[in-house]
Amino acid sequence: MPRPLWDSAIELRDLLQSYSNREPAAQLCLQGLGSLLDQAIAGAISKPHRSPAPCGYYFVEGRLPEYRDLAEEYAAFSMRLQGVSHEDLTRMLEQIRRKPASK
């Protein structure tokens, strides 16, 4: 069963809060995504966004990909935000999970 956008937003917010204590980029993302996460949690987003969720830089060029759970949830939230289907999202996440984690 597909997870709704609001559920993904809650999970992402919780993970960002958890990692914010040890990872400054997570705190920056939490601040940068704050309003968007609040809107998603409130169910105020009804149309797909045309672009990925803010903070992608930290997941591509920064250290946040080291935290696989956080990186996967950010990807899931961003894809859901853009209206990617559950099936496509599941397939993409499986491809990510098959790659070895970097250290």
PDB file of N, CA and C in Angstrom:
ATOM      1  N   MET A   1       0.835  -1.184   0.000  1.00  0.00           N
ATOM      2  CA  MET A   1       0.000   0.000   0.000  1.00  0.00           C
ATOM      3  C   MET A   1       0.881   1.248   0.000  1.00  0.00           C
ATOM      4  N   PRO A   2       0.625   2.177  -0.899  1.00  0.00           N
ATOM      5  CA  PRO A   2       1.448   3.380  -0.968  1.00  0.00           C
ATOM      6  C   PRO A   2       1.297   4.236   0.287  1.00  0.00           C
ATOM      7  N   ARG A   3       2.415   4.774   0.732  1.00  0.00           N
ATOM      8  CA  ARG A   3       2.376   5.711   1.857  1.00  0.00           C
ATOM      9  C   ARG A   3       1.980   7.079   1.331  1.00  0.00           C
ATOM     10  N   PRO A   4       1.124   7.782   2.050  1.00  0.00           N
ATOM     11  CA  PRO A   4       0.756   9.125   1.609  1.00  0.00           C
ATOM     12  C   PRO A   4       1.897  10.121   1.843  1.00  0.00           C
ATOM     13  N   LEU A   5       1.810  11.238   1.158  1.00  0.00           N
ATOM     14  CA  LEU A   5       2.838  12.282   1.268  1.00  0.00           C
ATOM     15  C   LEU A   5       3.002  12.734   2.706  1.00  0.00           C
ATOM     16  N   TRP A   6       1.905  12.908   3.422  1.00  0.00           N
ATOM     17  CA  TRP A   6       2.007  13.404   4.794  1.00  0.00           C
ATOM     18  C   TRP A   6       2.770  12.438   5.689  1.00  0.00           C
ATOM     19  N   ASP A   7       2.608  11.144   5.461  1.00  0.00           N
ATOM     20  CA  ASP A   7       3.314  10.138   6.252  1.00  0.00           C
ATOM     21  C   ASP A   7       4.819  10.211   5.989  1.00  0.00           C
ATOM     22  N   SER A   8       5.169  10.366   4.728  1.00  0.00           N
ATOM     23  CA  SER A   8       6.578  10.502   4.371  1.00  0.00           C
ATOM     24  C   SER A   8       7.172  11.786   4.956  1.00  0.00           C
ATOM     25  N   ALA A   9       6.381  12.866   4.956  1.00  0.00           N
ATOM     26  CA  ALA A   9       6.851  14.142   5.514  1.00  0.00           C
ATOM     27  C   ALA A   9       7.131  14.022   7.006  1.00  0.00           C
ATOM     28  N   ILE A  10       6.267  13.320   7.719  1.00  0.00           N
ATOM     29  CA  ILE A  10       6.477  13.122   9.156  1.00  0.00           C
ATOM     30  C   ILE A  10       7.749  12.325   9.395  1.00  0.00           C
ATOM     31  N   GLU A  11       7.924  11.252   8.636  1.00  0.00           N
ATOM     32  CA  GLU A  11       9.118  10.405   8.799  1.00  0.00           C
ATOM     33  C   GLU A  11      10.385  11.197   8.473  1.00  0.00           C
ATOM     34  N   LEU A  12      10.357  11.968   7.391  1.00  0.00           N
ATOM     35  CA  LEU A  12      11.528  12.766   7.019  1.00  0.00           C
ATOM     36  C   LEU A  12      11.826  13.801   8.083  1.00  0.00           C
ATOM     37  N   ARG A  13      10.811  14.498   8.568  1.00  0.00           N
ATOM     38  CA  ARG A  13      11.014  15.495   9.621  1.00  0.00           C
ATOM     39  C   ARG A  13      11.638  14.854  10.859  1.00  0.00           C
ATOM     40  N   ASP A  14      11.110  13.694  11.253  1.00  0.00           N
ATOM     41  CA  ASP A  14      11.636  13.012  12.441  1.00  0.00           C
ATOM     42  C   ASP A  14      13.092  12.593  12.250  1.00  0.00           C
ATOM     43  N   LEU A  15      13.414  12.064  11.082  1.00  0.00           N
ATOM     44  CA  LEU A  15      14.805  11.668  10.818  1.00  0.00           C
ATOM     45  C   LEU A  15      15.733  12.877  10.792  1.00  0.00           C
ATOM     46  N   LEU A  16      15.306  13.957  10.144  1.00  0.00           N
ATOM     47  CA  LEU A  16      16.134  15.172  10.116  1.00  0.00           C
ATOM     48  C   LEU A  16      16.368  15.702  11.524  1.00  0.00           C
ATOM     49  N   GLN A  17      15.346  15.678  12.351  1.00  0.00           N
ATOM     50  CA  GLN A  17      15.508  16.113  13.741  1.00  0.00           C
ATOM     51  C   GLN A  17      16.496  15.220  14.472  1.00  0.00           C
ATOM     52  N   SER A  18      16.410  13.933  14.244  1.00  0.00           N
ATOM     53  CA  SER A  18      17.297  12.983  14.898  1.00  0.00           C
ATOM     54  C   SER A  18      18.760  13.202  14.498  1.00  0.00           C
ATOM     55  N   TYR A  19      18.999  13.397  13.208  1.00  0.00           N
ATOM     56  CA  TYR A  19      20.367  13.579  12.731  1.00  0.00           C
ATOM     57  C   TYR A  19      20.897  14.991  12.948  1.00  0.00           C
ATOM     58  N   SER A  20      20.037  15.937  13.222  1.00  0.00           N
ATOM     59  CA  SER A  20      20.460  17.330  13.395  1.00  0.00           C
ATOM     60  C   SER A  20      21.438  17.511  14.541  1.00  0.00           C
ATOM     61  N   ASN A  21      21.379  16.642  15.527  1.00  0.00           N
ATOM     62  CA  ASN A  21      22.284  16.760  16.674  1.00  0.00           C
ATOM     63  C   ASN A  21      23.738  16.498  16.309  1.00  0.00           C
ATOM     64  N   ARG A  22      23.967  15.685  15.273  1.00  0.00           N
ATOM     65  CA  ARG A  22      25.343  15.329  14.921  1.00  0.00           C
ATOM     66  C   ARG A  22      25.736  15.732  13.512  1.00  0.00           C
ATOM     67  N   GLU A  23      24.780  16.178  12.721  1.00  0.00           N
ATOM     68  CA  GLU A  23      25.066  16.506  11.322  1.00  0.00           C
ATOM     69  C   GLU A  23      24.478  17.879  10.984  1.00  0.00           C
ATOM     70  N   PRO A  24      25.332  18.913  10.869  1.00  0.00           N
ATOM     71  CA  PRO A  24      24.839  20.267  10.579  1.00  0.00           C
ATOM     72  C   PRO A  24      23.997  20.353   9.303  1.00  0.00           C
ATOM     73  N   ALA A  25      24.320  19.560   8.291  1.00  0.00           N
ATOM     74  CA  ALA A  25      23.551  19.607   7.042  1.00  0.00           C
ATOM     75  C   ALA A  25      22.111  19.152   7.270  1.00  0.00           C
ATOM     76  N   ALA A  26      21.897  18.229   8.193  1.00  0.00           N
ATOM     77  CA  ALA A  26      20.535  17.790   8.500  1.00  0.00           C
ATOM     78  C   ALA A  26      19.746  18.940   9.120  1.00  0.00           C
ATOM     79  N   GLN A  27      20.393  19.723   9.975  1.00  0.00           N
ATOM     80  CA  GLN A  27      19.734  20.891  10.570  1.00  0.00           C
ATOM     81  C   GLN A  27      19.391  21.914   9.499  1.00  0.00           C
ATOM     82  N   LEU A  28      20.304  22.127   8.561  1.00  0.00           N
ATOM     83  CA  LEU A  28      20.039  23.063   7.465  1.00  0.00           C
ATOM     84  C   LEU A  28      18.871  22.580   6.604  1.00  0.00           C
ATOM     85  N   CYS A  29      18.815  21.295   6.335  1.00  0.00           N
ATOM     86  CA  CYS A  29      17.705  20.740   5.549  1.00  0.00           C
ATOM     87  C   CYS A  29      16.393  20.855   6.304  1.00  0.00           C
ATOM     88  N   LEU A  30      16.431  20.608   7.588  1.00  0.00           N
ATOM     89  CA  LEU A  30      15.213  20.729   8.387  1.00  0.00           C
ATOM     90  C   LEU A  30      14.667  22.150   8.303  1.00  0.00           C
ATOM     91  N   GLN A  31      15.549  23.118   8.364  1.00  0.00           N
ATOM     92  CA  GLN A  31      15.126  24.513   8.240  1.00  0.00           C
ATOM     93  C   GLN A  31      14.640  24.816   6.828  1.00  0.00           C
ATOM     94  N   GLY A  32      15.363  24.323   5.824  1.00  0.00           N
ATOM     95  CA  GLY A  32      15.010  24.586   4.439  1.00  0.00           C
ATOM     96  C   GLY A  32      13.721  23.920   3.997  1.00  0.00           C
ATOM     97  N   LEU A  33      13.432  22.764   4.583  1.00  0.00           N
ATOM     98  CA  LEU A  33      12.232  22.009   4.226  1.00  0.00           C
ATOM     99  C   LEU A  33      11.056  22.265   5.164  1.00  0.00           C
ATOM    100  N   GLY A  34      11.291  22.991   6.242  1.00  0.00           N
ATOM    101  CA  GLY A  34      10.294  23.161   7.296  1.00  0.00           C
ATOM    102  C   GLY A  34       8.899  23.501   6.811  1.00  0.00           C
ATOM    103  N   SER A  35       8.773  24.548   6.031  1.00  0.00           N
ATOM    104  CA  SER A  35       7.460  24.992   5.559  1.00  0.00           C
ATOM    105  C   SER A  35       6.815  23.945   4.650  1.00  0.00           C
ATOM    106  N   LEU A  36       7.608  23.358   3.774  1.00  0.00           N
ATOM    107  CA  LEU A  36       7.093  22.348   2.852  1.00  0.00           C
ATOM    108  C   LEU A  36       6.636  21.101   3.611  1.00  0.00           C
ATOM    109  N   LEU A  37       7.408  20.686   4.601  1.00  0.00           N
ATOM    110  CA  LEU A  37       7.019  19.535   5.421  1.00  0.00           C
ATOM    111  C   LEU A  37       5.729  19.835   6.178  1.00  0.00           C
ATOM    112  N   ASP A  38       5.632  21.036   6.736  1.00  0.00           N
ATOM    113  CA  ASP A  38       4.414  21.425   7.450  1.00  0.00           C
ATOM    114  C   ASP A  38       3.196  21.376   6.526  1.00  0.00           C
ATOM    115  N   GLN A  39       3.343  21.871   5.315  1.00  0.00           N
ATOM    116  CA  GLN A  39       2.246  21.857   4.351  1.00  0.00           C
ATOM    117  C   GLN A  39       1.839  20.425   4.003  1.00  0.00           C
ATOM    118  N   ALA A  40       2.842  19.576   3.793  1.00  0.00           N
ATOM    119  CA  ALA A  40       2.556  18.174   3.445  1.00  0.00           C
ATOM    120  C   ALA A  40       1.857  17.458   4.598  1.00  0.00           C
ATOM    121  N   ILE A  41       2.320  17.687   5.810  1.00  0.00           N
ATOM    122  CA  ILE A  41       1.724  17.049   6.982  1.00  0.00           C
ATOM    123  C   ILE A  41       0.276  17.511   7.172  1.00  0.00           C
ATOM    124  N   ALA A  42       0.019  18.777   6.873  1.00  0.00           N
ATOM    125  CA  ALA A  42      -1.326  19.335   7.013  1.00  0.00           C
ATOM    126  C   ALA A  42      -2.252  18.932   5.867  1.00  0.00           C
ATOM    127  N   GLY A  43      -1.709  18.274   4.848  1.00  0.00           N
ATOM    128  CA  GLY A  43      -2.513  17.875   3.694  1.00  0.00           C
ATOM    129  C   GLY A  43      -2.817  19.030   2.756  1.00  0.00           C
ATOM    130  N   ALA A  44      -2.002  20.079   2.823  1.00  0.00           N
ATOM    131  CA  ALA A  44      -2.238  21.281   2.029  1.00  0.00           C
ATOM    132  C   ALA A  44      -1.619  21.217   0.632  1.00  0.00           C
ATOM    133  N   ILE A  45      -0.940  20.138   0.293  1.00  0.00           N
ATOM    134  CA  ILE A  45      -0.342  19.987  -1.037  1.00  0.00           C
ATOM    135  C   ILE A  45      -1.228  19.044  -1.831  1.00  0.00           C
ATOM    136  N   SER A  46      -1.848  19.577  -2.865  1.00  0.00           N
ATOM    137  CA  SER A  46      -2.786  18.757  -3.636  1.00  0.00           C
ATOM    138  C   SER A  46      -2.314  18.476  -5.056  1.00  0.00           C
ATOM    139  N   LYS A  47      -1.353  19.236  -5.539  1.00  0.00           N
ATOM    140  CA  LYS A  47      -0.844  19.033  -6.896  1.00  0.00           C
ATOM    141  C   LYS A  47       0.639  18.702  -6.826  1.00  0.00           C
ATOM    142  N   PRO A  48       1.117  17.850  -7.743  1.00  0.00           N
ATOM    143  CA  PRO A  48       2.552  17.535  -7.760  1.00  0.00           C
ATOM    144  C   PRO A  48       3.394  18.780  -8.025  1.00  0.00           C
ATOM    145  N   HIS A  49       4.525  18.842  -7.370  1.00  0.00           N
ATOM    146  CA  HIS A  49       5.487  19.919  -7.616  1.00  0.00           C
ATOM    147  C   HIS A  49       6.273  19.594  -8.878  1.00  0.00           C
ATOM    148  N   ARG A  50       6.716  20.609  -9.538  1.00  0.00           N
ATOM    149  CA  ARG A  50       7.468  20.404 -10.784  1.00  0.00           C
ATOM    150  C   ARG A  50       8.937  20.105 -10.542  1.00  0.00           C
ATOM    151  N   SER A  51       9.411  20.389  -9.366  1.00  0.00           N
ATOM    152  CA  SER A  51      10.830  20.181  -9.085  1.00  0.00           C
ATOM    153  C   SER A  51      10.990  19.365  -7.798  1.00  0.00           C
ATOM    154  N   PRO A  52      12.179  18.796  -7.607  1.00  0.00           N
ATOM    155  CA  PRO A  52      12.434  18.020  -6.385  1.00  0.00           C
ATOM    156  C   PRO A  52      12.331  18.894  -5.133  1.00  0.00           C
ATOM    157  N   ALA A  53      12.232  18.261  -4.004  1.00  0.00           N
ATOM    158  CA  ALA A  53      12.221  18.974  -2.727  1.00  0.00           C
ATOM    159  C   ALA A  53      13.553  19.700  -2.539  1.00  0.00           C
ATOM    160  N   PRO A  54      13.530  20.860  -1.881  1.00  0.00           N
ATOM    161  CA  PRO A  54      14.779  21.570  -1.587  1.00  0.00           C
ATOM    162  C   PRO A  54      15.744  20.693  -0.790  1.00  0.00           C
ATOM    163  N   CYS A  55      16.974  21.030  -0.793  1.00  0.00           N
ATOM    164  CA  CYS A  55      18.054  20.386  -0.027  1.00  0.00           C
ATOM    165  C   CYS A  55      18.698  19.211  -0.748  1.00  0.00           C
ATOM    166  N   GLY A  56      18.336  18.961  -1.971  1.00  0.00           N
ATOM    167  CA  GLY A  56      18.938  17.855  -2.707  1.00  0.00           C
ATOM    168  C   GLY A  56      20.449  17.917  -2.759  1.00  0.00           C
ATOM    169  N   TYR A  57      20.984  19.122  -2.769  1.00  0.00           N
ATOM    170  CA  TYR A  57      22.441  19.306  -2.804  1.00  0.00           C
ATOM    171  C   TYR A  57      23.118  18.503  -1.691  1.00  0.00           C
ATOM    172  N   TYR A  58      22.561  18.555  -0.500  1.00  0.00           N
ATOM    173  CA  TYR A  58      23.179  17.883   0.643  1.00  0.00           C
ATOM    174  C   TYR A  58      23.141  16.363   0.512  1.00  0.00           C
ATOM    175  N   PHE A  59      22.242  15.867  -0.311  1.00  0.00           N
ATOM    176  CA  PHE A  59      22.137  14.423  -0.520  1.00  0.00           C
ATOM    177  C   PHE A  59      22.945  13.960  -1.730  1.00  0.00           C
ATOM    178  N   VAL A  60      23.423  14.903  -2.515  1.00  0.00           N
ATOM    179  CA  VAL A  60      24.230  14.562  -3.685  1.00  0.00           C
ATOM    180  C   VAL A  60      25.693  14.918  -3.436  1.00  0.00           C
ATOM    181  N   GLU A  61      25.934  16.130  -2.992  1.00  0.00           N
ATOM    182  CA  GLU A  61      27.300  16.620  -2.806  1.00  0.00           C
ATOM    183  C   GLU A  61      27.762  16.596  -1.349  1.00  0.00           C
ATOM    184  N   GLY A  62      26.839  16.481  -0.428  1.00  0.00           N
ATOM    185  CA  GLY A  62      27.178  16.543   0.987  1.00  0.00           C
ATOM    186  C   GLY A  62      27.367  15.175   1.615  1.00  0.00           C
ATOM    187  N   ARG A  63      27.297  15.142   2.934  1.00  0.00           N
ATOM    188  CA  ARG A  63      27.520  13.905   3.693  1.00  0.00           C
ATOM    189  C   ARG A  63      26.246  13.138   3.998  1.00  0.00           C
ATOM    190  N   LEU A  64      25.101  13.697   3.696  1.00  0.00           N
ATOM    191  CA  LEU A  64      23.852  13.040   4.098  1.00  0.00           C
ATOM    192  C   LEU A  64      23.597  11.683   3.454  1.00  0.00           C
ATOM    193  N   PRO A  65      24.159  11.364   2.278  1.00  0.00           N
ATOM    194  CA  PRO A  65      23.954  10.008   1.757  1.00  0.00           C
ATOM    195  C   PRO A  65      24.553   8.913   2.645  1.00  0.00           C
ATOM    196  N   GLU A  66      25.436   9.297   3.554  1.00  0.00           N
ATOM    197  CA  GLU A  66      26.021   8.320   4.480  1.00  0.00           C
ATOM    198  C   GLU A  66      24.954   7.718   5.398  1.00  0.00           C
ATOM    199  N   TYR A  67      23.861   8.443   5.579  1.00  0.00           N
ATOM    200  CA  TYR A  67      22.775   7.998   6.445  1.00  0.00           C
ATOM    201  C   TYR A  67      21.672   7.445   5.550  1.00  0.00           C
ATOM    202  N   ARG A  68      21.768   6.168   5.298  1.00  0.00           N
ATOM    203  CA  ARG A  68      20.901   5.541   4.286  1.00  0.00           C
ATOM    204  C   ARG A  68      19.411   5.747   4.565  1.00  0.00           C
ATOM    205  N   ASP A  69      18.998   5.596   5.815  1.00  0.00           N
ATOM    206  CA  ASP A  69      17.574   5.773   6.129  1.00  0.00           C
ATOM    207  C   ASP A  69      17.111   7.189   5.807  1.00  0.00           C
ATOM    208  N   LEU A  70      17.928   8.161   6.126  1.00  0.00           N
ATOM    209  CA  LEU A  70      17.598   9.556   5.841  1.00  0.00           C
ATOM    210  C   LEU A  70      17.583   9.815   4.341  1.00  0.00           C
ATOM    211  N   ALA A  71      18.589   9.315   3.641  1.00  0.00           N
ATOM    212  CA  ALA A  71      18.667   9.524   2.190  1.00  0.00           C
ATOM    213  C   ALA A  71      17.485   8.869   1.475  1.00  0.00           C
ATOM    214  N   GLU A  72      17.117   7.671   1.900  1.00  0.00           N
ATOM    215  CA  GLU A  72      15.982   6.983   1.272  1.00  0.00           C
ATOM    216  C   GLU A  72      14.677   7.725   1.537  1.00  0.00           C
ATOM    217  N   GLU A  73      14.509   8.221   2.757  1.00  0.00           N
ATOM    218  CA  GLU A  73      13.263   8.928   3.073  1.00  0.00           C
ATOM    219  C   GLU A  73      13.195  10.270   2.357  1.00  0.00           C
ATOM    220  N   TYR A  74      14.327  10.956   2.227  1.00  0.00           N
ATOM    221  CA  TYR A  74      14.336  12.209   1.456  1.00  0.00           C
ATOM    222  C   TYR A  74      13.947  11.920   0.004  1.00  0.00           C
ATOM    223  N   ALA A  75      14.529  10.882  -0.568  1.00  0.00           N
ATOM    224  CA  ALA A  75      14.216  10.522  -1.955  1.00  0.00           C
ATOM    225  C   ALA A  75      12.742  10.173  -2.102  1.00  0.00           C
ATOM    226  N   ALA A  76      12.219   9.409  -1.162  1.00  0.00           N
ATOM    227  CA  ALA A  76      10.810   9.021  -1.221  1.00  0.00           C
ATOM    228  C   ALA A  76       9.903  10.248  -1.113  1.00  0.00           C
ATOM    229  N   PHE A  77      10.208  11.139  -0.174  1.00  0.00           N
ATOM    230  CA  PHE A  77       9.397  12.350  -0.015  1.00  0.00           C
ATOM    231  C   PHE A  77       9.455  13.208  -1.274  1.00  0.00           C
ATOM    232  N   SER A  78      10.647  13.411  -1.793  1.00  0.00           N
ATOM    233  CA  SER A  78      10.807  14.248  -2.976  1.00  0.00           C
ATOM    234  C   SER A  78      10.070  13.664  -4.179  1.00  0.00           C
ATOM    235  N   MET A  79      10.140  12.355  -4.335  1.00  0.00           N
ATOM    236  CA  MET A  79       9.451  11.712  -5.454  1.00  0.00           C
ATOM    237  C   MET A  79       7.937  11.801  -5.284  1.00  0.00           C
ATOM    238  N   ARG A  80       7.461  11.536  -4.087  1.00  0.00           N
ATOM    239  CA  ARG A  80       6.011  11.643  -3.836  1.00  0.00           C
ATOM    240  C   ARG A  80       5.543  13.073  -4.072  1.00  0.00           C
ATOM    241  N   LEU A  81       6.359  14.021  -3.652  1.00  0.00           N
ATOM    242  CA  LEU A  81       6.034  15.438  -3.849  1.00  0.00           C
ATOM    243  C   LEU A  81       5.857  15.750  -5.333  1.00  0.00           C
ATOM    244  N   GLN A  82       6.637  15.075  -6.169  1.00  0.00           N
ATOM    245  CA  GLN A  82       6.579  15.299  -7.614  1.00  0.00           C
ATOM    246  C   GLN A  82       5.538  14.421  -8.309  1.00  0.00           C
ATOM    247  N   GLY A  83       4.839  13.595  -7.549  1.00  0.00           N
ATOM    248  CA  GLY A  83       3.783  12.784  -8.120  1.00  0.00           C
ATOM    249  C   GLY A  83       4.231  11.477  -8.733  1.00  0.00           C
ATOM    250  N   VAL A  84       5.414  10.996  -8.389  1.00  0.00           N
ATOM    251  CA  VAL A  84       5.897   9.714  -8.906  1.00  0.00           C
ATOM    252  C   VAL A  84       5.044   8.592  -8.309  1.00  0.00           C
ATOM    253  N   SER A  85       4.667   7.641  -9.116  1.00  0.00           N
ATOM    254  CA  SER A  85       3.796   6.555  -8.652  1.00  0.00           C
ATOM    255  C   SER A  85       4.498   5.675  -7.620  1.00  0.00           C
ATOM    256  N   HIS A  86       3.699   4.996  -6.831  1.00  0.00           N
ATOM    257  CA  HIS A  86       4.220   4.081  -5.816  1.00  0.00           C
ATOM    258  C   HIS A  86       5.081   2.986  -6.448  1.00  0.00           C
ATOM    259  N   GLU A  87       4.644   2.468  -7.575  1.00  0.00           N
ATOM    260  CA  GLU A  87       5.386   1.393  -8.244  1.00  0.00           C
ATOM    261  C   GLU A  87       6.753   1.880  -8.719  1.00  0.00           C
ATOM    262  N   ASP A  88       6.786   3.046  -9.343  1.00  0.00           N
ATOM    263  CA  ASP A  88       8.060   3.600  -9.801  1.00  0.00           C
ATOM    264  C   ASP A  88       8.974   3.912  -8.631  1.00  0.00           C
ATOM    265  N   LEU A  89       8.404   4.448  -7.558  1.00  0.00           N
ATOM    266  CA  LEU A  89       9.193   4.768  -6.377  1.00  0.00           C
ATOM    267  C   LEU A  89       9.777   3.496  -5.757  1.00  0.00           C
ATOM    268  N   THR A  90       8.977   2.463  -5.651  1.00  0.00           N
ATOM    269  CA  THR A  90       9.452   1.193  -5.094  1.00  0.00           C
ATOM    270  C   THR A  90      10.608   0.643  -5.926  1.00  0.00           C
ATOM    271  N   ARG A  91      10.474   0.677  -7.234  1.00  0.00           N
ATOM    272  CA  ARG A  91      11.530   0.187  -8.116  1.00  0.00           C
ATOM    273  C   ARG A  91      12.821   0.995  -7.935  1.00  0.00           C
ATOM    274  N   MET A  92      12.704   2.315  -7.851  1.00  0.00           N
ATOM    275  CA  MET A  92      13.891   3.164  -7.682  1.00  0.00           C
ATOM    276  C   MET A  92      14.560   2.918  -6.336  1.00  0.00           C
ATOM    277  N   LEU A  93      13.763   2.781  -5.273  1.00  0.00           N
ATOM    278  CA  LEU A  93      14.346   2.537  -3.954  1.00  0.00           C
ATOM    279  C   LEU A  93      15.038   1.182  -3.896  1.00  0.00           C
ATOM    280  N   GLU A  94      14.502   0.191  -4.577  1.00  0.00           N
ATOM    281  CA  GLU A  94      15.166  -1.118  -4.628  1.00  0.00           C
ATOM    282  C   GLU A  94      16.525  -1.003  -5.316  1.00  0.00           C
ATOM    283  N   GLN A  95      16.615  -0.198  -6.352  1.00  0.00           N
ATOM    284  CA  GLN A  95      17.894   0.015  -7.032  1.00  0.00           C
ATOM    285  C   GLN A  95      18.891   0.694  -6.100  1.00  0.00           C
ATOM    286  N   ILE A  96      18.420   1.664  -5.318  1.00  0.00           N
ATOM    287  CA  ILE A  96      19.294   2.346  -4.365  1.00  0.00           C
ATOM    288  C   ILE A  96      19.782   1.370  -3.304  1.00  0.00           C
ATOM    289  N   ARG A  97      18.897   0.539  -2.806  1.00  0.00           N
ATOM    290  CA  ARG A  97      19.252  -0.405  -1.739  1.00  0.00           C
ATOM    291  C   ARG A  97      20.262  -1.446  -2.191  1.00  0.00           C
ATOM    292  N   ARG A  98      20.284  -1.756  -3.467  1.00  0.00           N
ATOM    293  CA  ARG A  98      21.238  -2.760  -3.977  1.00  0.00           C
ATOM    294  C   ARG A  98      22.658  -2.218  -4.031  1.00  0.00           C
ATOM    295  N   LYS A  99      22.799  -0.895  -4.067  1.00  0.00           N
ATOM    296  CA  LYS A  99      24.147  -0.313  -4.104  1.00  0.00           C
ATOM    297  C   LYS A  99      24.770  -0.412  -2.727  1.00  0.00           C
ATOM    298  N   PRO A 100      26.064  -0.720  -2.667  1.00  0.00           N
ATOM    299  CA  PRO A 100      26.722  -0.795  -1.359  1.00  0.00           C
ATOM    300  C   PRO A 100      26.788   0.597  -0.711  1.00  0.00           C
ATOM    301  N   ALA A 101      26.608   0.638   0.609  1.00  0.00           N
ATOM    302  CA  ALA A 101      26.689   1.904   1.340  1.00  0.00           C
ATOM    303  C   ALA A 101      28.121   2.388   1.345  1.00  0.00           C
ATOM    304  N   SER A 102      28.315   3.695   1.167  1.00  0.00           N
ATOM    305  CA  SER A 102      29.662   4.266   1.225  1.00  0.00           C
ATOM    306  C   SER A 102      30.035   4.542   2.682  1.00  0.00           C
ATOM    307  N   LYS A 103      31.286   4.493   2.923  1.00  0.00           N
ATOM    308  CA  LYS A 103      31.771   4.743   4.291  1.00  0.00           C
ATOM    309  C   LYS A 103      32.591   5.980   4.341  1.00  0.00           C
TER     310      LYS A 103
END
